[in-house]
N, C-alpha and C. Protein backbone atom coordinates (compact mmCIF):
# COMPACT_ATOMS: atom_id res chain seq x y z
N SER A 1 -23.31 -71.11 -140.94
CA SER A 1 -22.48 -71.19 -139.76
C SER A 1 -21.06 -71.55 -140.14
N ARG A 2 -20.15 -71.26 -139.26
CA ARG A 2 -18.72 -71.56 -139.47
C ARG A 2 -18.51 -73.06 -139.70
N CYS A 3 -19.21 -73.86 -138.95
CA CYS A 3 -19.08 -75.31 -139.06
C CYS A 3 -19.43 -75.78 -140.47
N TYR A 4 -20.54 -75.31 -140.98
CA TYR A 4 -20.97 -75.71 -142.32
C TYR A 4 -19.99 -75.21 -143.38
N TYR A 5 -19.51 -73.98 -143.22
CA TYR A 5 -18.53 -73.43 -144.15
C TYR A 5 -17.28 -74.30 -144.18
N SER A 6 -16.80 -74.69 -143.00
CA SER A 6 -15.61 -75.55 -142.92
C SER A 6 -15.87 -76.88 -143.59
N TYR A 7 -17.05 -77.44 -143.37
CA TYR A 7 -17.42 -78.71 -144.00
C TYR A 7 -17.37 -78.57 -145.52
N LYS A 8 -17.95 -77.49 -146.05
CA LYS A 8 -17.99 -77.27 -147.51
C LYS A 8 -16.58 -77.08 -148.08
N GLN A 9 -15.64 -76.60 -147.24
CA GLN A 9 -14.26 -76.42 -147.67
C GLN A 9 -13.45 -77.72 -147.57
N GLY A 10 -14.11 -78.79 -147.09
CA GLY A 10 -13.43 -80.07 -146.95
C GLY A 10 -12.60 -80.20 -145.69
N GLU A 11 -12.76 -79.24 -144.78
CA GLU A 11 -12.02 -79.28 -143.52
C GLU A 11 -12.72 -80.20 -142.53
N PRO A 12 -11.96 -80.81 -141.63
CA PRO A 12 -12.61 -81.64 -140.60
C PRO A 12 -13.40 -80.74 -139.64
N ILE A 13 -14.51 -81.25 -139.16
CA ILE A 13 -15.34 -80.48 -138.23
C ILE A 13 -15.73 -81.36 -137.05
N LEU A 14 -16.00 -80.71 -135.95
CA LEU A 14 -16.54 -81.36 -134.76
C LEU A 14 -17.51 -80.36 -134.16
N TYR A 15 -18.73 -80.77 -133.96
CA TYR A 15 -19.71 -79.87 -133.38
C TYR A 15 -20.66 -80.63 -132.48
N PHE A 16 -21.24 -79.91 -131.55
CA PHE A 16 -22.23 -80.47 -130.64
C PHE A 16 -23.60 -80.17 -131.22
N ALA A 17 -24.43 -81.18 -131.30
CA ALA A 17 -25.78 -80.97 -131.82
C ALA A 17 -26.74 -81.90 -131.10
N TYR A 18 -27.96 -81.54 -131.15
CA TYR A 18 -29.04 -82.38 -130.64
C TYR A 18 -30.03 -82.54 -131.77
N ASN A 19 -30.94 -83.44 -131.59
CA ASN A 19 -31.98 -83.66 -132.59
C ASN A 19 -33.32 -83.43 -131.95
N PRO A 20 -34.23 -82.73 -132.56
CA PRO A 20 -34.12 -82.13 -133.89
C PRO A 20 -33.35 -80.81 -133.85
N HIS A 21 -32.68 -80.53 -134.95
CA HIS A 21 -31.90 -79.30 -135.10
C HIS A 21 -31.71 -79.05 -136.59
N TRP A 22 -31.69 -77.80 -136.98
CA TRP A 22 -31.60 -77.46 -138.39
C TRP A 22 -30.33 -77.99 -139.05
N ILE A 23 -29.22 -78.08 -138.30
CA ILE A 23 -27.97 -78.52 -138.91
C ILE A 23 -28.09 -79.94 -139.46
N SER A 24 -28.95 -80.76 -138.83
CA SER A 24 -29.12 -82.14 -139.29
C SER A 24 -29.95 -82.23 -140.57
N ALA A 25 -30.58 -81.12 -140.97
CA ALA A 25 -31.26 -81.08 -142.26
C ALA A 25 -30.27 -80.78 -143.38
N ILE A 26 -29.12 -80.22 -143.02
CA ILE A 26 -28.09 -79.89 -144.01
C ILE A 26 -26.98 -80.95 -144.01
N LEU A 27 -26.43 -81.21 -142.82
CA LEU A 27 -25.40 -82.25 -142.67
C LEU A 27 -26.10 -83.48 -142.12
N LYS A 28 -26.42 -84.40 -143.00
CA LYS A 28 -27.24 -85.55 -142.63
C LYS A 28 -26.41 -86.60 -141.88
N PRO A 29 -26.83 -86.92 -140.64
CA PRO A 29 -26.14 -87.98 -139.89
C PRO A 29 -26.18 -89.29 -140.67
N GLY A 30 -25.04 -89.97 -140.70
CA GLY A 30 -24.93 -91.22 -141.42
C GLY A 30 -24.53 -91.05 -142.87
N LYS A 31 -24.65 -89.83 -143.39
CA LYS A 31 -24.27 -89.55 -144.77
C LYS A 31 -23.12 -88.53 -144.81
N ASP A 32 -23.36 -87.37 -144.24
CA ASP A 32 -22.36 -86.30 -144.25
C ASP A 32 -21.52 -86.28 -142.97
N VAL A 33 -22.12 -86.68 -141.89
CA VAL A 33 -21.46 -86.66 -140.58
C VAL A 33 -21.84 -87.94 -139.82
N VAL A 34 -21.11 -88.23 -138.77
CA VAL A 34 -21.42 -89.39 -137.93
C VAL A 34 -21.51 -88.95 -136.47
N TRP A 35 -22.38 -89.64 -135.73
CA TRP A 35 -22.44 -89.43 -134.30
C TRP A 35 -21.21 -90.09 -133.69
N LEU A 36 -20.57 -89.44 -132.73
CA LEU A 36 -19.46 -90.06 -132.02
C LEU A 36 -20.02 -91.10 -131.06
N GLU A 37 -19.27 -92.16 -130.86
CA GLU A 37 -19.71 -93.26 -130.02
C GLU A 37 -18.82 -93.32 -128.77
N VAL A 38 -19.43 -93.70 -127.66
CA VAL A 38 -18.69 -93.91 -126.41
C VAL A 38 -18.70 -95.41 -126.10
N PRO A 39 -17.73 -95.89 -125.31
CA PRO A 39 -17.68 -97.33 -125.02
C PRO A 39 -18.77 -97.82 -124.08
N PHE A 40 -19.31 -96.92 -123.25
CA PHE A 40 -20.37 -97.31 -122.33
C PHE A 40 -21.10 -96.07 -121.84
N THR A 41 -22.30 -96.27 -121.34
CA THR A 41 -23.11 -95.17 -120.81
C THR A 41 -22.71 -94.91 -119.37
N SER A 42 -22.44 -93.67 -119.03
CA SER A 42 -22.10 -93.30 -117.66
C SER A 42 -22.63 -91.89 -117.41
N LEU A 43 -23.86 -91.82 -116.95
CA LEU A 43 -24.49 -90.54 -116.68
C LEU A 43 -24.52 -90.31 -115.18
N PRO A 44 -24.41 -89.06 -114.72
CA PRO A 44 -24.39 -88.78 -113.28
C PRO A 44 -25.61 -89.34 -112.54
N ASP A 45 -26.76 -89.15 -113.09
CA ASP A 45 -27.99 -89.63 -112.46
C ASP A 45 -28.73 -90.46 -113.50
N MET A 46 -28.51 -91.76 -113.49
CA MET A 46 -29.04 -92.64 -114.53
C MET A 46 -30.55 -92.78 -114.48
N ARG A 47 -31.16 -92.49 -113.34
CA ARG A 47 -32.61 -92.66 -113.19
C ARG A 47 -33.04 -93.98 -113.80
N ASN A 48 -33.95 -93.94 -114.74
CA ASN A 48 -34.43 -95.15 -115.40
C ASN A 48 -33.82 -95.34 -116.78
N ILE A 49 -32.72 -94.68 -117.03
CA ILE A 49 -32.09 -94.76 -118.34
C ILE A 49 -31.25 -96.03 -118.42
N LYS A 50 -31.50 -96.80 -119.46
CA LYS A 50 -30.74 -98.02 -119.71
C LYS A 50 -29.82 -97.76 -120.90
N GLU A 51 -28.83 -98.63 -121.05
CA GLU A 51 -27.89 -98.43 -122.15
C GLU A 51 -28.59 -98.42 -123.50
N GLU A 52 -29.64 -99.24 -123.67
CA GLU A 52 -30.34 -99.25 -124.96
C GLU A 52 -31.03 -97.91 -125.24
N ASP A 53 -31.28 -97.12 -124.19
CA ASP A 53 -31.89 -95.80 -124.37
C ASP A 53 -30.89 -94.80 -124.96
N THR A 54 -29.60 -95.15 -124.92
CA THR A 54 -28.57 -94.25 -125.43
C THR A 54 -28.05 -94.69 -126.80
N LEU A 55 -28.72 -95.67 -127.39
CA LEU A 55 -28.30 -96.14 -128.72
C LEU A 55 -29.02 -95.36 -129.81
N LEU A 56 -28.25 -94.95 -130.79
CA LEU A 56 -28.79 -94.26 -131.97
C LEU A 56 -28.17 -94.94 -133.18
N ASP A 57 -28.99 -95.57 -133.97
CA ASP A 57 -28.50 -96.32 -135.13
C ASP A 57 -27.41 -97.32 -134.73
N GLY A 58 -27.62 -97.96 -133.57
CA GLY A 58 -26.68 -98.98 -133.10
C GLY A 58 -25.44 -98.44 -132.41
N LYS A 59 -25.31 -97.13 -132.29
CA LYS A 59 -24.15 -96.52 -131.65
C LYS A 59 -24.54 -95.97 -130.29
N ASN A 60 -23.69 -96.18 -129.30
CA ASN A 60 -23.93 -95.62 -127.98
C ASN A 60 -23.42 -94.18 -127.99
N ILE A 61 -24.35 -93.24 -127.95
CA ILE A 61 -23.97 -91.82 -128.00
C ILE A 61 -23.75 -91.23 -126.61
N GLY A 62 -23.96 -92.05 -125.56
CA GLY A 62 -23.62 -91.64 -124.21
C GLY A 62 -24.69 -90.88 -123.46
N PHE A 63 -25.75 -90.54 -124.10
CA PHE A 63 -26.87 -89.86 -123.44
C PHE A 63 -28.15 -90.34 -124.10
N SER A 64 -29.26 -90.15 -123.43
CA SER A 64 -30.50 -90.67 -123.99
C SER A 64 -30.91 -89.88 -125.23
N ARG A 65 -31.46 -90.62 -126.18
CA ARG A 65 -31.92 -90.00 -127.42
C ARG A 65 -33.00 -88.97 -127.10
N THR A 66 -33.02 -87.93 -127.87
CA THR A 66 -34.04 -86.91 -127.71
C THR A 66 -35.39 -87.49 -128.11
N GLN A 67 -36.38 -87.24 -127.28
CA GLN A 67 -37.74 -87.64 -127.60
C GLN A 67 -38.63 -86.42 -127.44
N GLN A 68 -39.39 -86.16 -128.47
CA GLN A 68 -40.32 -85.04 -128.43
C GLN A 68 -41.65 -85.55 -127.91
N ARG A 69 -42.23 -84.81 -126.99
CA ARG A 69 -43.51 -85.22 -126.42
C ARG A 69 -44.44 -84.01 -126.37
N ILE A 70 -45.72 -84.31 -126.39
CA ILE A 70 -46.73 -83.27 -126.24
C ILE A 70 -47.02 -83.14 -124.75
N VAL A 71 -47.05 -81.93 -124.26
CA VAL A 71 -47.37 -81.66 -122.87
C VAL A 71 -48.75 -81.01 -122.84
N ALA A 72 -49.62 -81.53 -121.97
CA ALA A 72 -50.98 -81.00 -121.91
C ALA A 72 -51.46 -80.98 -120.46
N ASN A 73 -52.37 -80.09 -120.19
CA ASN A 73 -53.00 -79.94 -118.88
C ASN A 73 -53.84 -81.19 -118.57
N LYS A 74 -53.70 -81.73 -117.35
CA LYS A 74 -54.42 -82.95 -116.96
C LYS A 74 -55.94 -82.79 -117.07
N LYS A 75 -56.45 -81.65 -116.64
CA LYS A 75 -57.89 -81.43 -116.71
C LYS A 75 -58.37 -81.41 -118.17
N PHE A 76 -57.57 -80.80 -119.04
CA PHE A 76 -57.91 -80.79 -120.46
C PHE A 76 -57.97 -82.22 -120.99
N LEU A 77 -56.97 -83.03 -120.66
CA LEU A 77 -56.93 -84.41 -121.15
C LEU A 77 -58.10 -85.23 -120.63
N GLU A 78 -58.45 -85.03 -119.36
CA GLU A 78 -59.60 -85.75 -118.78
C GLU A 78 -60.89 -85.37 -119.49
N ALA A 79 -61.02 -84.11 -119.84
CA ALA A 79 -62.24 -83.62 -120.50
C ALA A 79 -62.25 -83.91 -122.00
N ASN A 80 -61.11 -84.26 -122.56
CA ASN A 80 -60.99 -84.45 -124.01
C ASN A 80 -60.24 -85.74 -124.34
N PRO A 81 -60.89 -86.89 -124.14
CA PRO A 81 -60.21 -88.17 -124.38
C PRO A 81 -59.76 -88.36 -125.83
N VAL A 82 -60.47 -87.77 -126.77
CA VAL A 82 -60.06 -87.89 -128.17
C VAL A 82 -58.73 -87.17 -128.38
N ALA A 83 -58.61 -85.96 -127.84
CA ALA A 83 -57.35 -85.21 -127.96
C ALA A 83 -56.23 -85.96 -127.25
N LYS A 84 -56.52 -86.50 -126.07
CA LYS A 84 -55.51 -87.26 -125.32
C LYS A 84 -54.99 -88.42 -126.17
N ARG A 85 -55.90 -89.17 -126.76
CA ARG A 85 -55.49 -90.32 -127.58
C ARG A 85 -54.73 -89.86 -128.81
N TRP A 86 -55.16 -88.76 -129.42
CA TRP A 86 -54.46 -88.25 -130.59
C TRP A 86 -53.03 -87.86 -130.24
N PHE A 87 -52.86 -87.18 -129.09
CA PHE A 87 -51.52 -86.80 -128.64
C PHE A 87 -50.63 -88.03 -128.47
N GLU A 88 -51.21 -89.13 -128.00
CA GLU A 88 -50.44 -90.37 -127.80
C GLU A 88 -50.01 -90.99 -129.13
N LEU A 89 -50.78 -90.78 -130.16
CA LEU A 89 -50.53 -91.41 -131.46
C LEU A 89 -49.55 -90.65 -132.36
N VAL A 90 -49.54 -89.34 -132.24
CA VAL A 90 -48.75 -88.51 -133.16
C VAL A 90 -47.25 -88.83 -133.04
N GLU A 91 -46.66 -89.13 -134.17
CA GLU A 91 -45.21 -89.34 -134.26
C GLU A 91 -44.71 -88.65 -135.52
N ILE A 92 -43.92 -87.63 -135.35
CA ILE A 92 -43.38 -86.90 -136.49
C ILE A 92 -41.90 -87.26 -136.60
N PRO A 93 -41.47 -87.75 -137.76
CA PRO A 93 -40.07 -88.16 -137.92
C PRO A 93 -39.10 -87.02 -137.62
N VAL A 94 -37.98 -87.37 -137.00
CA VAL A 94 -36.97 -86.38 -136.65
C VAL A 94 -36.50 -85.63 -137.89
N ALA A 95 -36.37 -86.31 -139.01
CA ALA A 95 -35.93 -85.64 -140.25
C ALA A 95 -36.90 -84.52 -140.62
N ASP A 96 -38.20 -84.74 -140.41
CA ASP A 96 -39.18 -83.70 -140.70
C ASP A 96 -39.05 -82.53 -139.73
N MET A 97 -38.78 -82.83 -138.46
CA MET A 97 -38.58 -81.76 -137.48
C MET A 97 -37.30 -80.98 -137.78
N ASN A 98 -36.25 -81.68 -138.22
CA ASN A 98 -35.02 -80.99 -138.62
C ASN A 98 -35.30 -80.04 -139.78
N GLY A 99 -36.07 -80.51 -140.75
CA GLY A 99 -36.43 -79.66 -141.89
C GLY A 99 -37.22 -78.44 -141.48
N GLU A 100 -38.14 -78.62 -140.55
CA GLU A 100 -38.92 -77.48 -140.04
C GLU A 100 -38.01 -76.49 -139.33
N SER A 101 -37.09 -77.01 -138.53
CA SER A 101 -36.14 -76.15 -137.82
C SER A 101 -35.32 -75.32 -138.81
N LEU A 102 -34.91 -75.94 -139.91
CA LEU A 102 -34.15 -75.22 -140.94
C LEU A 102 -35.00 -74.13 -141.59
N ARG A 103 -36.24 -74.44 -141.91
CA ARG A 103 -37.12 -73.44 -142.52
C ARG A 103 -37.29 -72.23 -141.60
N ILE A 104 -37.44 -72.49 -140.31
CA ILE A 104 -37.57 -71.41 -139.33
C ILE A 104 -36.28 -70.60 -139.28
N LYS A 105 -35.13 -71.28 -139.24
CA LYS A 105 -33.84 -70.58 -139.21
C LYS A 105 -33.67 -69.70 -140.44
N GLU A 106 -34.17 -70.17 -141.58
CA GLU A 106 -34.02 -69.41 -142.83
C GLU A 106 -35.05 -68.29 -142.98
N GLY A 107 -35.85 -68.04 -141.93
CA GLY A 107 -36.74 -66.89 -141.95
C GLY A 107 -38.22 -67.19 -142.07
N GLU A 108 -38.59 -68.44 -142.29
CA GLU A 108 -40.01 -68.79 -142.35
C GLU A 108 -40.49 -69.04 -140.92
N ASP A 109 -40.52 -67.97 -140.14
CA ASP A 109 -40.75 -68.11 -138.70
C ASP A 109 -41.99 -67.37 -138.18
N LYS A 110 -42.78 -66.84 -139.07
CA LYS A 110 -44.01 -66.15 -138.65
C LYS A 110 -45.10 -67.18 -138.38
N PRO A 111 -46.08 -66.84 -137.54
CA PRO A 111 -47.16 -67.80 -137.27
C PRO A 111 -47.81 -68.35 -138.54
N GLU A 112 -48.00 -67.49 -139.54
CA GLU A 112 -48.62 -67.98 -140.78
C GLU A 112 -47.70 -68.95 -141.53
N ASP A 113 -46.38 -68.76 -141.39
CA ASP A 113 -45.43 -69.71 -141.99
C ASP A 113 -45.55 -71.08 -141.32
N ILE A 114 -45.57 -71.06 -139.99
CA ILE A 114 -45.65 -72.31 -139.23
C ILE A 114 -46.95 -73.04 -139.56
N LEU A 115 -48.05 -72.31 -139.64
CA LEU A 115 -49.33 -72.92 -140.00
C LEU A 115 -49.25 -73.54 -141.40
N ARG A 116 -48.66 -72.82 -142.34
CA ARG A 116 -48.52 -73.34 -143.71
C ARG A 116 -47.66 -74.60 -143.71
N HIS A 117 -46.58 -74.58 -142.96
CA HIS A 117 -45.71 -75.76 -142.87
C HIS A 117 -46.49 -76.96 -142.33
N ALA A 118 -47.27 -76.72 -141.29
CA ALA A 118 -48.07 -77.81 -140.70
C ALA A 118 -49.08 -78.35 -141.71
N GLN A 119 -49.72 -77.45 -142.42
CA GLN A 119 -50.70 -77.89 -143.42
C GLN A 119 -50.02 -78.68 -144.54
N GLU A 120 -48.84 -78.26 -144.94
CA GLU A 120 -48.08 -79.00 -145.96
C GLU A 120 -47.70 -80.38 -145.44
N TRP A 121 -47.28 -80.45 -144.17
CA TRP A 121 -46.89 -81.74 -143.60
C TRP A 121 -48.08 -82.68 -143.58
N VAL A 122 -49.22 -82.18 -143.15
CA VAL A 122 -50.43 -83.02 -143.11
C VAL A 122 -50.76 -83.51 -144.52
N LYS A 123 -50.72 -82.61 -145.50
CA LYS A 123 -51.04 -83.00 -146.88
C LYS A 123 -50.09 -84.09 -147.37
N ASN A 124 -48.82 -83.97 -147.02
CA ASN A 124 -47.82 -84.95 -147.46
C ASN A 124 -47.88 -86.27 -146.68
N HIS A 125 -48.61 -86.27 -145.56
CA HIS A 125 -48.73 -87.46 -144.71
C HIS A 125 -50.20 -87.73 -144.40
N GLN A 126 -51.05 -87.42 -145.35
CA GLN A 126 -52.50 -87.45 -145.13
C GLN A 126 -52.99 -88.80 -144.62
N GLN A 127 -52.53 -89.89 -145.20
CA GLN A 127 -53.01 -91.21 -144.79
C GLN A 127 -52.68 -91.48 -143.32
N LYS A 128 -51.45 -91.20 -142.92
CA LYS A 128 -51.04 -91.40 -141.53
C LYS A 128 -51.85 -90.48 -140.61
N TYR A 129 -51.99 -89.23 -141.00
CA TYR A 129 -52.74 -88.25 -140.21
C TYR A 129 -54.19 -88.70 -140.03
N ASP A 130 -54.81 -89.13 -141.12
CA ASP A 130 -56.19 -89.60 -141.04
C ASP A 130 -56.32 -90.83 -140.15
N SER A 131 -55.33 -91.71 -140.18
CA SER A 131 -55.39 -92.90 -139.32
C SER A 131 -55.29 -92.52 -137.85
N TRP A 132 -54.48 -91.50 -137.54
CA TRP A 132 -54.40 -91.02 -136.15
C TRP A 132 -55.76 -90.49 -135.71
N LEU A 133 -56.39 -89.69 -136.58
CA LEU A 133 -57.70 -89.13 -136.23
C LEU A 133 -58.74 -90.22 -136.05
N GLU A 134 -58.76 -91.18 -136.95
CA GLU A 134 -59.74 -92.27 -136.85
C GLU A 134 -59.56 -93.05 -135.55
N THR A 135 -58.33 -93.38 -135.23
CA THR A 135 -58.06 -94.12 -133.99
C THR A 135 -58.40 -93.27 -132.77
N ALA A 136 -58.03 -92.01 -132.79
CA ALA A 136 -58.30 -91.12 -131.65
C ALA A 136 -59.79 -90.95 -131.41
N ARG A 137 -60.56 -90.83 -132.47
CA ARG A 137 -62.01 -90.63 -132.33
C ARG A 137 -62.68 -91.81 -131.64
N GLN A 138 -62.08 -92.98 -131.71
CA GLN A 138 -62.63 -94.15 -131.03
C GLN A 138 -62.60 -94.00 -129.51
N ALA A 139 -61.77 -93.10 -129.01
CA ALA A 139 -61.69 -92.85 -127.57
C ALA A 139 -62.94 -92.17 -127.05
N ALA A 140 -63.76 -91.63 -127.94
CA ALA A 140 -65.00 -90.95 -127.53
C ALA A 140 -66.07 -91.96 -127.15
N ASN A 141 -65.90 -93.20 -127.56
CA ASN A 141 -66.92 -94.24 -127.30
C ASN A 141 -66.75 -94.87 -125.93
């Protein structure tokens, strides 16, 4: 992208990004780039958002941090308490999601690629993955 090219040329850059996003796998926040900070949170419809919800690494970014969640059918969850509990336990680091986004952008975007990526992630995080399964299976009792 133009932004990355400018960065590599040593030029100043300003870009809008969200997390997870492939650009954060290349330009690492806190190392290569910094999140801009605002003096206070002021959103049109604050709902239940508190100022601490807009903090990222101690900086007020002015909007709530992105949170990835699993969405599932209520009837499915009622019929499958183990799956429901597993969904509640799964936490994939944003850096890993950024890396996956980059792999997809670079062309590893076929279903078999995504499956391979998932299998690699599980292998690299086997202990955590197994602990999620063990805890989730207890919901069957």
